[in-house]
Amino acid sequence: MYSHAMTEPVWLNITAAARYLGIHRNTLWRRCQKGTGPAFYRVSTRGDHRFRPEDLDAWLAAQRTGE
């Protein structure tokens, strides 16, 4: 028996990721298409995007200006 607990990674769809970032989902979609958005993973042949919160945080930190 293993004593360590395995945690499932958190994956956000594009709507939840946009809400997390405080932007409209279309804005996030366009940024991803242009290559200027946060890291994402394609999880289906339809092109569904999934985001990890830590990638969204890193992208937000890189967007800061004037500090």
PDB file of N, CA and C in Angstrom:
ATOM      1  N   MET A   1       0.832  -1.188   0.000  1.00  0.00           N
ATOM      2  CA  MET A   1       0.000   0.000   0.000  1.00  0.00           C
ATOM      3  C   MET A   1       0.873   1.246   0.000  1.00  0.00           C
ATOM      4  N   TYR A   2       0.530   2.217  -0.825  1.00  0.00           N
ATOM      5  CA  TYR A   2       1.281   3.458  -0.918  1.00  0.00           C
ATOM      6  C   TYR A   2       0.732   4.466   0.075  1.00  0.00           C
ATOM      7  N   SER A   3       1.618   5.206   0.717  1.00  0.00           N
ATOM      8  CA  SER A   3       1.179   6.153   1.729  1.00  0.00           C
ATOM      9  C   SER A   3       1.005   7.572   1.195  1.00  0.00           C
ATOM     10  N   HIS A   4       1.536   7.858   0.014  1.00  0.00           N
ATOM     11  CA  HIS A   4       1.401   9.218  -0.507  1.00  0.00           C
ATOM     12  C   HIS A   4       0.119   9.354  -1.335  1.00  0.00           C
ATOM     13  N   ALA A   5      -0.492  10.494  -1.179  1.00  0.00           N
ATOM     14  CA  ALA A   5      -1.732  10.757  -1.911  1.00  0.00           C
ATOM     15  C   ALA A   5      -1.411  11.370  -3.264  1.00  0.00           C
ATOM     16  N   MET A   6      -2.032  10.860  -4.285  1.00  0.00           N
ATOM     17  CA  MET A   6      -1.845  11.409  -5.624  1.00  0.00           C
ATOM     18  C   MET A   6      -2.976  12.397  -5.876  1.00  0.00           C
ATOM     19  N   THR A   7      -2.629  13.574  -6.339  1.00  0.00           N
ATOM     20  CA  THR A   7      -3.649  14.569  -6.632  1.00  0.00           C
ATOM     21  C   THR A   7      -3.814  14.683  -8.140  1.00  0.00           C
ATOM     22  N   GLU A   8      -5.024  14.859  -8.539  1.00  0.00           N
ATOM     23  CA  GLU A   8      -5.330  15.035  -9.952  1.00  0.00           C
ATOM     24  C   GLU A   8      -4.965  16.455 -10.373  1.00  0.00           C
ATOM     25  N   PRO A   9      -4.357  16.620 -11.541  1.00  0.00           N
ATOM     26  CA  PRO A   9      -4.081  17.979 -12.005  1.00  0.00           C
ATOM     27  C   PRO A   9      -5.371  18.720 -12.322  1.00  0.00           C
ATOM     28  N   VAL A  10      -5.336  20.017 -12.158  1.00  0.00           N
ATOM     29  CA  VAL A  10      -6.511  20.849 -12.443  1.00  0.00           C
ATOM     30  C   VAL A  10      -6.411  21.337 -13.879  1.00  0.00           C
ATOM     31  N   TRP A  11      -7.441  21.086 -14.655  1.00  0.00           N
ATOM     32  CA  TRP A  11      -7.507  21.534 -16.040  1.00  0.00           C
ATOM     33  C   TRP A  11      -8.734  22.411 -16.199  1.00  0.00           C
ATOM     34  N   LEU A  12      -8.551  23.574 -16.825  1.00  0.00           N
ATOM     35  CA  LEU A  12      -9.661  24.493 -17.070  1.00  0.00           C
ATOM     36  C   LEU A  12      -9.970  24.534 -18.558  1.00  0.00           C
ATOM     37  N   ASN A  13     -11.257  24.552 -18.897  1.00  0.00           N
ATOM     38  CA  ASN A  13     -11.607  24.750 -20.301  1.00  0.00           C
ATOM     39  C   ASN A  13     -11.465  26.244 -20.615  1.00  0.00           C
ATOM     40  N   ILE A  14     -11.699  26.618 -21.837  1.00  0.00           N
ATOM     41  CA  ILE A  14     -11.427  27.998 -22.247  1.00  0.00           C
ATOM     42  C   ILE A  14     -12.338  29.000 -21.539  1.00  0.00           C
ATOM     43  N   THR A  15     -13.581  28.615 -21.258  1.00  0.00           N
ATOM     44  CA  THR A  15     -14.493  29.513 -20.555  1.00  0.00           C
ATOM     45  C   THR A  15     -14.025  29.742 -19.119  1.00  0.00           C
ATOM     46  N   ALA A  16     -13.661  28.668 -18.432  1.00  0.00           N
ATOM     47  CA  ALA A  16     -13.186  28.785 -17.053  1.00  0.00           C
ATOM     48  C   ALA A  16     -11.846  29.521 -16.994  1.00  0.00           C
ATOM     49  N   ALA A  17     -10.971  29.279 -17.978  1.00  0.00           N
ATOM     50  CA  ALA A  17      -9.676  29.963 -18.010  1.00  0.00           C
ATOM     51  C   ALA A  17      -9.864  31.458 -18.232  1.00  0.00           C
ATOM     52  N   ALA A  18     -10.766  31.826 -19.118  1.00  0.00           N
ATOM     53  CA  ALA A  18     -11.035  33.248 -19.370  1.00  0.00           C
ATOM     54  C   ALA A  18     -11.597  33.907 -18.115  1.00  0.00           C
ATOM     55  N   ARG A  19     -12.488  33.221 -17.425  1.00  0.00           N
ATOM     56  CA  ARG A  19     -13.040  33.744 -16.173  1.00  0.00           C
ATOM     57  C   ARG A  19     -11.926  33.911 -15.134  1.00  0.00           C
ATOM     58  N   TYR A  20     -11.039  32.955 -15.050  1.00  0.00           N
ATOM     59  CA  TYR A  20      -9.897  32.996 -14.133  1.00  0.00           C
ATOM     60  C   TYR A  20      -9.028  34.222 -14.413  1.00  0.00           C
ATOM     61  N   LEU A  21      -8.836  34.527 -15.709  1.00  0.00           N
ATOM     62  CA  LEU A  21      -7.996  35.658 -16.117  1.00  0.00           C
ATOM     63  C   LEU A  21      -8.734  36.991 -16.086  1.00  0.00           C
ATOM     64  N   GLY A  22     -10.054  36.937 -16.050  1.00  0.00           N
ATOM     65  CA  GLY A  22     -10.842  38.162 -16.053  1.00  0.00           C
ATOM     66  C   GLY A  22     -10.981  38.791 -17.430  1.00  0.00           C
ATOM     67  N   ILE A  23     -10.946  37.947 -18.455  1.00  0.00           N
ATOM     68  CA  ILE A  23     -11.103  38.422 -19.834  1.00  0.00           C
ATOM     69  C   ILE A  23     -12.207  37.627 -20.513  1.00  0.00           C
ATOM     70  N   HIS A  24     -12.680  38.112 -21.648  1.00  0.00           N
ATOM     71  CA  HIS A  24     -13.712  37.407 -22.408  1.00  0.00           C
ATOM     72  C   HIS A  24     -13.103  36.180 -23.068  1.00  0.00           C
ATOM     73  N   ARG A  25     -13.890  35.129 -23.193  1.00  0.00           N
ATOM     74  CA  ARG A  25     -13.363  33.889 -23.780  1.00  0.00           C
ATOM     75  C   ARG A  25     -12.905  34.086 -25.221  1.00  0.00           C
ATOM     76  N   ASN A  26     -13.566  34.983 -25.972  1.00  0.00           N
ATOM     77  CA  ASN A  26     -13.140  35.237 -27.352  1.00  0.00           C
ATOM     78  C   ASN A  26     -11.763  35.895 -27.393  1.00  0.00           C
ATOM     79  N   THR A  27     -11.485  36.752 -26.422  1.00  0.00           N
ATOM     80  CA  THR A  27     -10.163  37.380 -26.341  1.00  0.00           C
ATOM     81  C   THR A  27      -9.104  36.311 -26.091  1.00  0.00           C
ATOM     82  N   LEU A  28      -9.375  35.414 -25.170  1.00  0.00           N
ATOM     83  CA  LEU A  28      -8.426  34.329 -24.886  1.00  0.00           C
ATOM     84  C   LEU A  28      -8.256  33.442 -26.110  1.00  0.00           C
ATOM     85  N   TRP A  29      -9.341  33.114 -26.782  1.00  0.00           N
ATOM     86  CA  TRP A  29      -9.278  32.278 -27.979  1.00  0.00           C
ATOM     87  C   TRP A  29      -8.395  32.934 -29.051  1.00  0.00           C
ATOM     88  N   ARG A  30      -8.612  34.232 -29.300  1.00  0.00           N
ATOM     89  CA  ARG A  30      -7.815  34.934 -30.308  1.00  0.00           C
ATOM     90  C   ARG A  30      -6.342  34.944 -29.932  1.00  0.00           C
ATOM     91  N   ARG A  31      -6.060  35.197 -28.666  1.00  0.00           N
ATOM     92  CA  ARG A  31      -4.657  35.210 -28.221  1.00  0.00           C
ATOM     93  C   ARG A  31      -3.996  33.851 -28.436  1.00  0.00           C
ATOM     94  N   CYS A  32      -4.716  32.806 -28.143  1.00  0.00           N
ATOM     95  CA  CYS A  32      -4.168  31.462 -28.350  1.00  0.00           C
ATOM     96  C   CYS A  32      -3.918  31.200 -29.831  1.00  0.00           C
ATOM     97  N   GLN A  33      -4.834  31.628 -30.684  1.00  0.00           N
ATOM     98  CA  GLN A  33      -4.681  31.428 -32.122  1.00  0.00           C
ATOM     99  C   GLN A  33      -3.488  32.205 -32.674  1.00  0.00           C
ATOM    100  N   LYS A  34      -3.234  33.392 -32.113  1.00  0.00           N
ATOM    101  CA  LYS A  34      -2.113  34.226 -32.565  1.00  0.00           C
ATOM    102  C   LYS A  34      -0.784  33.799 -31.949  1.00  0.00           C
ATOM    103  N   GLY A  35      -0.848  32.954 -30.919  1.00  0.00           N
ATOM    104  CA  GLY A  35       0.376  32.533 -30.249  1.00  0.00           C
ATOM    105  C   GLY A  35       0.829  33.500 -29.172  1.00  0.00           C
ATOM    106  N   THR A  36      -0.046  34.418 -28.760  1.00  0.00           N
ATOM    107  CA  THR A  36       0.317  35.393 -27.739  1.00  0.00           C
ATOM    108  C   THR A  36      -0.382  35.127 -26.408  1.00  0.00           C
ATOM    109  N   GLY A  37      -1.077  34.022 -26.312  1.00  0.00           N
ATOM    110  CA  GLY A  37      -1.797  33.682 -25.089  1.00  0.00           C
ATOM    111  C   GLY A  37      -0.999  32.743 -24.214  1.00  0.00           C
ATOM    112  N   PRO A  38      -1.607  32.298 -23.141  1.00  0.00           N
ATOM    113  CA  PRO A  38      -0.941  31.375 -22.226  1.00  0.00           C
ATOM    114  C   PRO A  38      -0.775  29.989 -22.853  1.00  0.00           C
ATOM    115  N   ALA A  39       0.107  29.197 -22.248  1.00  0.00           N
ATOM    116  CA  ALA A  39       0.298  27.817 -22.702  1.00  0.00           C
ATOM    117  C   ALA A  39      -1.018  27.057 -22.557  1.00  0.00           C
ATOM    118  N   PHE A  40      -1.299  26.201 -23.530  1.00  0.00           N
ATOM    119  CA  PHE A  40      -2.509  25.386 -23.473  1.00  0.00           C
ATOM    120  C   PHE A  40      -2.232  24.034 -24.100  1.00  0.00           C
ATOM    121  N   TYR A  41      -3.155  23.144 -23.901  1.00  0.00           N
ATOM    122  CA  TYR A  41      -3.057  21.792 -24.424  1.00  0.00           C
ATOM    123  C   TYR A  41      -4.294  21.518 -25.253  1.00  0.00           C
ATOM    124  N   ARG A  42      -4.114  20.919 -26.418  1.00  0.00           N
ATOM    125  CA  ARG A  42      -5.255  20.501 -27.238  1.00  0.00           C
ATOM    126  C   ARG A  42      -5.594  19.080 -26.825  1.00  0.00           C
ATOM    127  N   VAL A  43      -6.838  18.866 -26.491  1.00  0.00           N
ATOM    128  CA  VAL A  43      -7.217  17.571 -25.929  1.00  0.00           C
ATOM    129  C   VAL A  43      -8.157  16.759 -26.812  1.00  0.00           C
ATOM    130  N   SER A  44      -8.446  17.242 -27.994  1.00  0.00           N
ATOM    131  CA  SER A  44      -9.316  16.478 -28.897  1.00  0.00           C
ATOM    132  C   SER A  44      -9.026  16.887 -30.332  1.00  0.00           C
ATOM    133  N   THR A  45      -9.570  16.125 -31.236  1.00  0.00           N
ATOM    134  CA  THR A  45      -9.409  16.452 -32.652  1.00  0.00           C
ATOM    135  C   THR A  45     -10.217  17.694 -33.018  1.00  0.00           C
ATOM    136  N   ARG A  46     -11.186  18.072 -32.163  1.00  0.00           N
ATOM    137  CA  ARG A  46     -11.964  19.293 -32.397  1.00  0.00           C
ATOM    138  C   ARG A  46     -11.164  20.535 -32.055  1.00  0.00           C
ATOM    139  N   GLY A  47     -10.035  20.359 -31.362  1.00  0.00           N
ATOM    140  CA  GLY A  47      -9.220  21.504 -30.997  1.00  0.00           C
ATOM    141  C   GLY A  47      -9.567  22.093 -29.649  1.00  0.00           C
ATOM    142  N   ASP A  48     -10.263  21.332 -28.804  1.00  0.00           N
ATOM    143  CA  ASP A  48     -10.594  21.829 -27.471  1.00  0.00           C
ATOM    144  C   ASP A  48      -9.317  22.172 -26.712  1.00  0.00           C
ATOM    145  N   HIS A  49      -9.329  23.322 -26.063  1.00  0.00           N
ATOM    146  CA  HIS A  49      -8.173  23.787 -25.300  1.00  0.00           C
ATOM    147  C   HIS A  49      -8.381  23.495 -23.820  1.00  0.00           C
ATOM    148  N   ARG A  50      -7.296  23.138 -23.133  1.00  0.00           N
ATOM    149  CA  ARG A  50      -7.309  23.000 -21.679  1.00  0.00           C
ATOM    150  C   ARG A  50      -6.098  23.759 -21.138  1.00  0.00           C
ATOM    151  N   PHE A  51      -6.308  24.400 -20.014  1.00  0.00           N
ATOM    152  CA  PHE A  51      -5.298  25.252 -19.399  1.00  0.00           C
ATOM    153  C   PHE A  51      -5.045  24.808 -17.972  1.00  0.00           C
ATOM    154  N   ARG A  52      -3.801  24.933 -17.517  1.00  0.00           N
ATOM    155  CA  ARG A  52      -3.460  24.692 -16.120  1.00  0.00           C
ATOM    156  C   ARG A  52      -3.374  26.046 -15.425  1.00  0.00           C
ATOM    157  N   PRO A  53      -3.912  26.162 -14.220  1.00  0.00           N
ATOM    158  CA  PRO A  53      -3.867  27.444 -13.510  1.00  0.00           C
ATOM    159  C   PRO A  53      -2.449  27.999 -13.356  1.00  0.00           C
ATOM    160  N   GLU A  54      -1.459  27.147 -13.138  1.00  0.00           N
ATOM    161  CA  GLU A  54      -0.090  27.643 -12.992  1.00  0.00           C
ATOM    162  C   GLU A  54       0.436  28.259 -14.286  1.00  0.00           C
ATOM    163  N   ASP A  55      -0.006  27.755 -15.440  1.00  0.00           N
ATOM    164  CA  ASP A  55       0.376  28.367 -16.719  1.00  0.00           C
ATOM    165  C   ASP A  55      -0.305  29.721 -16.896  1.00  0.00           C
ATOM    166  N   LEU A  56      -1.549  29.819 -16.446  1.00  0.00           N
ATOM    167  CA  LEU A  56      -2.262  31.096 -16.525  1.00  0.00           C
ATOM    168  C   LEU A  56      -1.598  32.130 -15.621  1.00  0.00           C
ATOM    169  N   ASP A  57      -1.201  31.713 -14.417  1.00  0.00           N
ATOM    170  CA  ASP A  57      -0.513  32.627 -13.498  1.00  0.00           C
ATOM    171  C   ASP A  57       0.811  33.112 -14.080  1.00  0.00           C
ATOM    172  N   ALA A  58       1.565  32.201 -14.693  1.00  0.00           N
ATOM    173  CA  ALA A  58       2.846  32.568 -15.293  1.00  0.00           C
ATOM    174  C   ALA A  58       2.639  33.544 -16.449  1.00  0.00           C
ATOM    175  N   TRP A  59       1.628  33.311 -17.253  1.00  0.00           N
ATOM    176  CA  TRP A  59       1.341  34.205 -18.380  1.00  0.00           C
ATOM    177  C   TRP A  59       0.946  35.589 -17.873  1.00  0.00           C
ATOM    178  N   LEU A  60       0.099  35.624 -16.837  1.00  0.00           N
ATOM    179  CA  LEU A  60      -0.294  36.915 -16.258  1.00  0.00           C
ATOM    180  C   LEU A  60       0.911  37.671 -15.732  1.00  0.00           C
ATOM    181  N   ALA A  61       1.800  36.985 -15.048  1.00  0.00           N
ATOM    182  CA  ALA A  61       2.998  37.629 -14.495  1.00  0.00           C
ATOM    183  C   ALA A  61       3.859  38.211 -15.611  1.00  0.00           C
ATOM    184  N   ALA A  62       3.922  37.520 -16.746  1.00  0.00           N
ATOM    185  CA  ALA A  62       4.733  38.001 -17.877  1.00  0.00           C
ATOM    186  C   ALA A  62       4.098  39.200 -18.564  1.00  0.00           C
ATOM    187  N   GLN A  63       2.792  39.414 -18.349  1.00  0.00           N
ATOM    188  CA  GLN A  63       2.096  40.521 -18.985  1.00  0.00           C
ATOM    189  C   GLN A  63       2.239  41.832 -18.234  1.00  0.00           C
ATOM    190  N   ARG A  64       2.735  41.786 -17.012  1.00  0.00           N
ATOM    191  CA  ARG A  64       2.840  42.999 -16.198  1.00  0.00           C
ATOM    192  C   ARG A  64       3.790  43.999 -16.832  1.00  0.00           C
ATOM    193  N   THR A  65       3.370  45.244 -16.821  1.00  0.00           N
ATOM    194  CA  THR A  65       4.220  46.323 -17.330  1.00  0.00           C
ATOM    195  C   THR A  65       4.213  47.476 -16.345  1.00  0.00           C
ATOM    196  N   GLY A  66       5.228  48.286 -16.386  1.00  0.00           N
ATOM    197  CA  GLY A  66       5.265  49.498 -15.584  1.00  0.00           C
ATOM    198  C   GLY A  66       5.563  49.284 -14.115  1.00  0.00           C
ATOM    199  N   GLU A  67       6.118  48.134 -13.766  1.00  0.00           N
ATOM    200  CA  GLU A  67       6.454  47.914 -12.365  1.00  0.00           C
ATOM    201  C   GLU A  67       7.934  48.067 -12.140  1.00  0.00           C
TER     202      GLU A  67
END
